[in-house]
N, C-alpha and C. Protein backbone atom coordinates (compact mmCIF):
# COMPACT_ATOMS: atom_id res chain seq x y z
N MET A 1 -7.31 17.77 -20.72
CA MET A 1 -7.02 18.26 -19.50
C MET A 1 -6.15 17.40 -18.62
N GLU A 2 -5.33 18.12 -17.93
CA GLU A 2 -4.29 17.45 -17.14
C GLU A 2 -4.87 16.83 -15.77
N GLU A 3 -4.62 15.71 -15.44
CA GLU A 3 -5.00 15.01 -14.15
C GLU A 3 -4.40 15.71 -13.05
N THR A 4 -5.11 15.70 -12.02
CA THR A 4 -4.59 16.20 -10.55
C THR A 4 -3.78 15.12 -9.90
N THR A 5 -2.93 15.54 -8.92
CA THR A 5 -2.28 14.60 -8.15
C THR A 5 -3.15 13.56 -7.50
N ILE A 6 -4.28 13.90 -7.07
CA ILE A 6 -5.18 13.06 -6.39
C ILE A 6 -5.74 12.13 -7.41
N GLU A 7 -6.13 12.49 -8.70
CA GLU A 7 -6.54 11.69 -9.65
C GLU A 7 -5.52 10.61 -10.09
N ILE A 8 -4.26 11.12 -10.17
CA ILE A 8 -3.13 10.26 -10.58
C ILE A 8 -3.06 9.11 -9.39
N GLY A 9 -2.98 9.61 -8.22
CA GLY A 9 -2.79 8.64 -6.98
C GLY A 9 -3.98 7.59 -7.04
N LYS A 10 -5.23 8.10 -7.39
CA LYS A 10 -6.34 7.08 -7.22
C LYS A 10 -6.32 6.16 -8.45
N SER A 11 -5.85 6.70 -9.49
CA SER A 11 -5.73 5.77 -10.77
C SER A 11 -4.58 4.79 -10.49
N GLY A 12 -3.45 5.06 -9.87
CA GLY A 12 -2.51 4.23 -9.52
C GLY A 12 -2.91 3.17 -8.49
N GLU A 13 -3.65 3.54 -7.52
CA GLU A 13 -4.18 2.54 -6.55
C GLU A 13 -5.14 1.59 -7.18
N ASN A 14 -5.90 2.15 -8.16
CA ASN A 14 -6.80 1.17 -8.92
C ASN A 14 -6.06 0.16 -9.69
N GLN A 15 -4.99 0.68 -10.39
CA GLN A 15 -4.23 -0.22 -11.13
C GLN A 15 -3.51 -1.19 -10.23
N ALA A 16 -2.99 -0.87 -9.04
CA ALA A 16 -2.40 -1.66 -8.13
C ALA A 16 -3.43 -2.80 -7.64
N ALA A 17 -4.59 -2.36 -7.30
CA ALA A 17 -5.59 -3.33 -6.80
C ALA A 17 -5.95 -4.40 -8.00
N GLU A 18 -5.96 -3.91 -9.34
CA GLU A 18 -6.22 -4.84 -10.22
C GLU A 18 -5.06 -5.86 -10.44
N TYR A 19 -3.90 -5.23 -10.19
CA TYR A 19 -2.64 -6.15 -10.37
C TYR A 19 -2.74 -7.22 -9.27
N LEU A 20 -3.05 -6.72 -8.04
CA LEU A 20 -3.02 -7.76 -6.99
C LEU A 20 -4.06 -8.93 -7.21
N LYS A 21 -5.30 -8.36 -7.68
CA LYS A 21 -6.27 -9.40 -8.06
C LYS A 21 -5.77 -10.35 -8.99
N SER A 22 -5.07 -10.00 -10.04
CA SER A 22 -4.52 -10.78 -11.07
C SER A 22 -3.57 -11.81 -10.67
N ILE A 23 -2.92 -11.61 -9.43
CA ILE A 23 -2.02 -12.53 -8.92
C ILE A 23 -2.68 -13.31 -7.70
N GLY A 24 -3.95 -13.30 -7.61
CA GLY A 24 -4.53 -14.15 -6.68
C GLY A 24 -4.95 -13.56 -5.46
N TYR A 25 -4.94 -12.30 -5.12
CA TYR A 25 -5.19 -11.65 -3.79
C TYR A 25 -6.69 -11.16 -3.92
N SER A 26 -7.41 -11.15 -2.93
CA SER A 26 -8.75 -10.38 -2.90
C SER A 26 -8.59 -9.03 -2.20
N ILE A 27 -9.21 -8.05 -2.68
CA ILE A 27 -9.05 -6.68 -2.03
C ILE A 27 -9.96 -6.50 -0.97
N THR A 28 -9.54 -6.25 0.21
CA THR A 28 -10.33 -6.13 1.37
C THR A 28 -10.72 -4.68 1.56
N ALA A 29 -9.90 -3.84 1.40
CA ALA A 29 -10.20 -2.34 1.58
C ALA A 29 -9.13 -1.62 0.62
N GLN A 30 -9.74 -0.38 0.23
CA GLN A 30 -8.84 0.59 -0.44
C GLN A 30 -8.96 1.98 0.40
N ASN A 31 -7.96 2.62 0.64
CA ASN A 31 -7.89 3.83 1.46
C ASN A 31 -8.51 3.73 2.74
N TRP A 32 -8.18 2.70 3.44
CA TRP A 32 -8.73 2.34 4.78
C TRP A 32 -8.15 3.22 5.83
N ARG A 33 -8.98 3.84 6.48
CA ARG A 33 -8.64 4.89 7.54
C ARG A 33 -8.94 4.42 9.00
N GLN A 34 -8.02 4.86 9.84
CA GLN A 34 -8.21 4.65 11.39
C GLN A 34 -7.60 6.09 11.85
N GLY A 35 -8.77 6.98 12.24
CA GLY A 35 -8.09 8.26 12.56
C GLY A 35 -7.52 9.02 11.46
N LYS A 36 -6.41 9.39 11.81
CA LYS A 36 -5.58 10.11 10.86
C LYS A 36 -4.55 9.27 10.14
N TYR A 37 -4.75 7.92 10.24
CA TYR A 37 -3.72 7.00 9.49
C TYR A 37 -4.59 6.37 8.42
N GLU A 38 -3.75 5.93 7.35
CA GLU A 38 -4.39 5.25 6.12
C GLU A 38 -3.42 4.42 5.50
N VAL A 39 -4.17 3.17 4.97
CA VAL A 39 -3.36 2.24 4.25
C VAL A 39 -4.11 2.33 2.85
N ASP A 40 -3.11 2.38 1.91
CA ASP A 40 -3.72 2.50 0.55
C ASP A 40 -4.56 1.13 0.11
N ILE A 41 -4.02 0.14 0.19
CA ILE A 41 -4.71 -1.05 -0.19
C ILE A 41 -4.44 -2.20 1.06
N ILE A 42 -5.66 -2.81 1.34
CA ILE A 42 -5.50 -4.14 2.28
C ILE A 42 -5.99 -5.19 1.37
N ALA A 43 -5.09 -6.05 1.12
CA ALA A 43 -5.46 -7.28 0.36
C ALA A 43 -5.01 -8.52 0.96
N GLU A 44 -5.75 -9.72 0.67
CA GLU A 44 -5.33 -10.94 1.29
C GLU A 44 -5.64 -12.14 0.51
N ASN A 45 -4.91 -13.14 0.79
CA ASN A 45 -5.07 -14.61 0.31
C ASN A 45 -5.41 -15.47 1.32
N GLU A 46 -5.26 -16.88 1.15
CA GLU A 46 -5.46 -17.73 2.11
C GLU A 46 -4.62 -17.54 3.58
N THR A 47 -3.41 -17.22 3.37
CA THR A 47 -2.52 -17.16 4.47
C THR A 47 -2.02 -15.77 4.86
N VAL A 48 -1.89 -14.89 4.00
CA VAL A 48 -1.33 -13.45 4.26
C VAL A 48 -2.34 -12.40 4.09
N ILE A 49 -2.11 -11.26 4.87
CA ILE A 49 -2.89 -10.06 4.83
C ILE A 49 -1.85 -8.97 4.47
N LEU A 50 -2.07 -8.35 3.21
CA LEU A 50 -1.16 -7.33 2.80
C LEU A 50 -1.51 -5.97 3.14
N PHE A 51 -0.69 -5.12 3.74
CA PHE A 51 -0.80 -3.59 3.75
C PHE A 51 0.04 -3.01 2.96
N VAL A 52 -0.60 -2.45 1.83
CA VAL A 52 0.18 -2.03 0.65
C VAL A 52 0.27 -0.38 0.48
N GLU A 53 1.47 0.05 0.33
CA GLU A 53 1.50 1.44 0.10
C GLU A 53 1.83 1.61 -1.46
N VAL A 54 1.00 2.41 -2.06
CA VAL A 54 1.23 2.73 -3.63
C VAL A 54 1.72 3.93 -3.78
N LYS A 55 2.91 4.02 -4.62
CA LYS A 55 3.49 5.16 -5.16
C LYS A 55 3.26 5.24 -6.69
N THR A 56 2.75 6.42 -7.20
CA THR A 56 2.56 6.65 -8.47
C THR A 56 3.14 7.79 -9.15
N ARG A 57 3.89 7.72 -10.08
CA ARG A 57 4.52 9.10 -10.80
C ARG A 57 4.41 8.85 -12.22
N THR A 58 4.11 10.11 -12.76
CA THR A 58 3.79 10.10 -14.24
C THR A 58 4.94 10.94 -14.98
N GLY A 59 5.85 11.64 -14.19
CA GLY A 59 6.87 12.65 -14.58
C GLY A 59 8.08 11.89 -14.62
N PHE A 60 9.11 12.65 -14.26
CA PHE A 60 10.43 12.33 -14.32
C PHE A 60 10.92 11.59 -13.15
N GLU A 61 10.18 11.74 -12.01
CA GLU A 61 10.66 11.19 -10.70
C GLU A 61 10.27 9.69 -10.80
N ILE A 62 11.32 8.90 -10.36
CA ILE A 62 10.99 7.55 -10.16
C ILE A 62 10.37 7.11 -8.85
N PRO A 63 9.21 6.35 -9.05
CA PRO A 63 8.57 6.38 -7.66
C PRO A 63 9.29 5.57 -6.66
N VAL A 64 10.16 4.60 -6.89
CA VAL A 64 11.06 4.08 -6.04
C VAL A 64 11.89 5.15 -5.09
N ASP A 65 12.07 6.29 -5.70
CA ASP A 65 12.84 7.27 -5.07
C ASP A 65 11.98 7.90 -3.84
N ARG A 66 10.66 7.62 -3.84
CA ARG A 66 9.69 7.99 -2.88
C ARG A 66 9.29 7.03 -1.92
N VAL A 67 10.23 5.94 -1.82
CA VAL A 67 9.70 4.90 -0.85
C VAL A 67 9.58 5.41 0.51
N VAL A 68 8.71 4.68 1.29
CA VAL A 68 8.15 5.04 2.43
C VAL A 68 9.12 5.52 3.45
N ARG A 69 8.94 6.69 3.96
CA ARG A 69 9.71 7.27 4.97
C ARG A 69 9.35 6.78 6.35
N GLN A 70 10.17 6.95 7.49
CA GLN A 70 10.00 6.22 8.67
C GLN A 70 8.64 6.59 9.25
N GLN A 71 8.27 7.78 9.17
CA GLN A 71 6.92 8.10 9.78
C GLN A 71 5.79 7.54 9.08
N GLN A 72 5.97 7.32 7.70
CA GLN A 72 4.88 6.74 7.00
C GLN A 72 4.78 5.30 7.44
N LYS A 73 5.90 4.62 7.56
CA LYS A 73 5.98 3.40 8.03
C LYS A 73 5.19 3.16 9.36
N ILE A 74 5.48 4.07 10.29
CA ILE A 74 4.81 3.93 11.49
C ILE A 74 3.27 4.14 11.46
N ASN A 75 2.92 5.09 10.63
CA ASN A 75 1.36 5.36 10.34
C ASN A 75 0.84 3.98 9.77
N ILE A 76 1.56 3.47 8.79
CA ILE A 76 1.05 2.30 8.21
C ILE A 76 0.84 1.10 9.21
N MET A 77 1.95 0.93 10.13
CA MET A 77 1.79 -0.07 11.15
C MET A 77 0.58 0.21 12.08
N LYS A 78 0.51 1.59 12.44
CA LYS A 78 -0.65 1.82 13.38
C LYS A 78 -1.91 1.50 12.65
N SER A 79 -2.10 1.70 11.45
CA SER A 79 -3.34 1.41 10.75
C SER A 79 -3.49 -0.09 10.62
N ALA A 80 -2.45 -0.73 10.31
CA ALA A 80 -2.39 -2.26 10.35
C ALA A 80 -2.83 -2.87 11.52
N ASN A 81 -2.30 -2.35 12.61
CA ASN A 81 -2.58 -2.83 13.97
C ASN A 81 -3.96 -2.72 14.43
N ALA A 82 -4.63 -1.45 13.90
CA ALA A 82 -5.94 -1.17 14.16
C ALA A 82 -6.90 -2.11 13.35
N PHE A 83 -6.52 -2.30 12.06
CA PHE A 83 -7.27 -3.21 11.27
C PHE A 83 -7.34 -4.58 11.86
N ILE A 84 -6.20 -5.07 12.12
CA ILE A 84 -5.99 -6.43 12.78
C ILE A 84 -6.80 -6.72 14.02
N THR A 85 -6.83 -5.64 14.87
CA THR A 85 -7.49 -5.61 16.06
C THR A 85 -9.01 -5.61 15.92
N GLN A 86 -9.52 -4.69 15.06
CA GLN A 86 -10.89 -4.60 14.80
C GLN A 86 -11.52 -5.80 14.08
N THR A 87 -10.71 -6.41 13.28
CA THR A 87 -11.34 -7.50 12.44
C THR A 87 -11.00 -8.90 13.00
N HIS A 88 -10.02 -8.97 14.01
CA HIS A 88 -9.49 -10.13 14.65
C HIS A 88 -8.91 -11.00 13.44
N CYS A 89 -8.19 -10.47 12.72
CA CYS A 89 -7.54 -11.21 11.62
C CYS A 89 -6.39 -11.99 12.12
N MET A 90 -6.26 -13.29 11.81
CA MET A 90 -5.15 -14.14 12.26
C MET A 90 -4.26 -14.40 11.24
N LYS A 91 -4.14 -13.73 10.07
CA LYS A 91 -3.20 -14.00 8.99
C LYS A 91 -2.03 -13.36 9.22
N GLU A 92 -0.90 -13.89 8.73
CA GLU A 92 0.37 -13.19 8.83
C GLU A 92 0.38 -11.91 8.10
N PRO A 93 0.77 -10.70 8.70
CA PRO A 93 0.64 -9.59 8.03
C PRO A 93 2.03 -9.37 7.14
N ARG A 94 1.90 -8.54 6.29
CA ARG A 94 2.96 -8.19 5.28
C ARG A 94 2.81 -6.82 4.88
N PHE A 95 3.96 -6.09 4.65
CA PHE A 95 3.91 -4.80 4.37
C PHE A 95 4.69 -4.65 2.84
N ASP A 96 3.87 -4.47 1.90
CA ASP A 96 4.45 -4.27 0.54
C ASP A 96 4.44 -3.00 -0.05
N LEU A 97 5.20 -2.65 -1.12
CA LEU A 97 5.08 -1.56 -1.75
C LEU A 97 4.76 -1.67 -3.28
N ILE A 98 3.88 -1.06 -3.86
CA ILE A 98 3.79 -1.15 -5.32
C ILE A 98 4.11 0.26 -5.91
N THR A 99 4.97 0.35 -6.87
CA THR A 99 5.23 1.51 -7.54
C THR A 99 4.68 1.41 -8.95
N ILE A 100 4.24 2.47 -9.36
CA ILE A 100 3.65 2.62 -10.81
C ILE A 100 4.33 3.89 -11.42
N TYR A 101 4.97 3.53 -12.61
CA TYR A 101 5.53 4.62 -13.36
C TYR A 101 4.89 4.84 -14.57
N GLY A 102 4.51 6.01 -14.87
CA GLY A 102 3.71 6.40 -16.05
C GLY A 102 2.17 6.22 -15.89
N ALA A 103 1.55 6.36 -16.91
CA ALA A 103 0.04 6.46 -16.87
C ALA A 103 -0.55 5.66 -18.01
N GLY A 104 -1.72 5.08 -17.67
CA GLY A 104 -2.46 4.37 -18.75
C GLY A 104 -1.91 2.99 -19.13
N PRO A 105 -2.19 2.51 -20.32
CA PRO A 105 -1.76 1.11 -20.68
C PRO A 105 -0.33 0.90 -20.72
N LYS A 106 0.57 2.04 -20.83
CA LYS A 106 1.91 1.98 -20.89
C LYS A 106 2.70 2.00 -19.58
N SER A 107 1.92 2.03 -18.52
CA SER A 107 2.42 2.14 -17.17
C SER A 107 3.15 0.86 -16.75
N ARG A 108 4.20 0.96 -15.94
CA ARG A 108 4.94 -0.07 -15.43
C ARG A 108 4.77 -0.25 -13.87
N ILE A 109 4.39 -1.45 -13.57
CA ILE A 109 4.18 -1.70 -12.14
C ILE A 109 5.25 -2.60 -11.55
N SER A 110 5.79 -2.25 -10.44
CA SER A 110 6.68 -2.94 -9.58
C SER A 110 6.15 -3.15 -8.15
N HIS A 111 6.25 -4.50 -7.87
CA HIS A 111 5.65 -5.02 -6.53
C HIS A 111 6.94 -5.47 -5.70
N ILE A 112 7.07 -4.70 -4.70
CA ILE A 112 8.19 -5.08 -3.80
C ILE A 112 7.64 -5.69 -2.45
N GLU A 113 7.69 -7.06 -2.47
CA GLU A 113 7.07 -7.75 -1.27
C GLU A 113 8.02 -7.48 -0.11
N CYS A 114 7.33 -7.49 1.00
CA CYS A 114 8.18 -7.26 2.46
C CYS A 114 9.08 -5.96 2.25
N SER A 115 8.36 -4.87 1.87
CA SER A 115 9.25 -3.66 1.60
C SER A 115 9.79 -3.12 3.00
N PHE A 116 9.13 -3.33 3.97
CA PHE A 116 9.70 -3.15 5.40
C PHE A 116 9.24 -4.03 6.33
N TYR A 117 9.91 -4.08 7.40
CA TYR A 117 9.40 -5.02 8.60
C TYR A 117 9.25 -4.01 9.77
N PRO A 118 8.25 -4.43 10.51
CA PRO A 118 8.00 -3.62 11.87
C PRO A 118 9.32 -3.83 12.62
N THR A 119 9.98 -2.71 13.17
CA THR A 119 11.06 -3.02 14.09
C THR A 119 10.73 -2.90 15.37
N LEU A 120 11.36 -3.20 16.41
CA LEU A 120 11.13 -3.23 17.78
C LEU A 120 10.69 -1.69 18.12
N LEU A 121 11.59 -0.84 17.74
CA LEU A 121 11.24 0.55 18.08
C LEU A 121 10.02 1.09 17.58
N SER A 122 9.65 0.62 16.22
CA SER A 122 8.50 1.11 15.55
C SER A 122 7.26 0.45 16.39
N ALA A 123 7.62 -0.81 16.68
CA ALA A 123 6.47 -1.53 17.29
C ALA A 123 6.09 -1.10 18.66
N ARG A 124 7.04 -0.40 19.41
CA ARG A 124 6.76 0.16 20.70
C ARG A 124 5.94 1.41 20.47
N MET A 125 5.93 2.04 19.25
CA MET A 125 5.31 3.33 18.99
C MET A 125 3.72 3.11 18.83
N LEU A 126 3.45 1.79 18.51
CA LEU A 126 2.03 1.30 18.16
C LEU A 126 1.17 1.49 19.55
């Protein structure tokens, strides 16, 4: 039976979370929501809090071709702002992208640190 897009996305997010754990981050939340805004993964170590967008593709489309659009960036920043405000987090925030190409044990993971920075224009929209 073929996996649905939702199942593929969830599987990719779980793979990304396991990857982040393997490089020393703890997972604070997955699919964290504030109103209509969502962050796929929130992870942290001693000094940094990551807000991670995960893109998973199993077909011919390369996930990096689906890099976060401007409105998605704004939504992630709004979610991050809400999370930091609610939790009083004092760690340095960072916005990363994890792309996963393929499915199962043969999938490839790419971690792009600092995939975007909040701009002044975007920050004003928060």
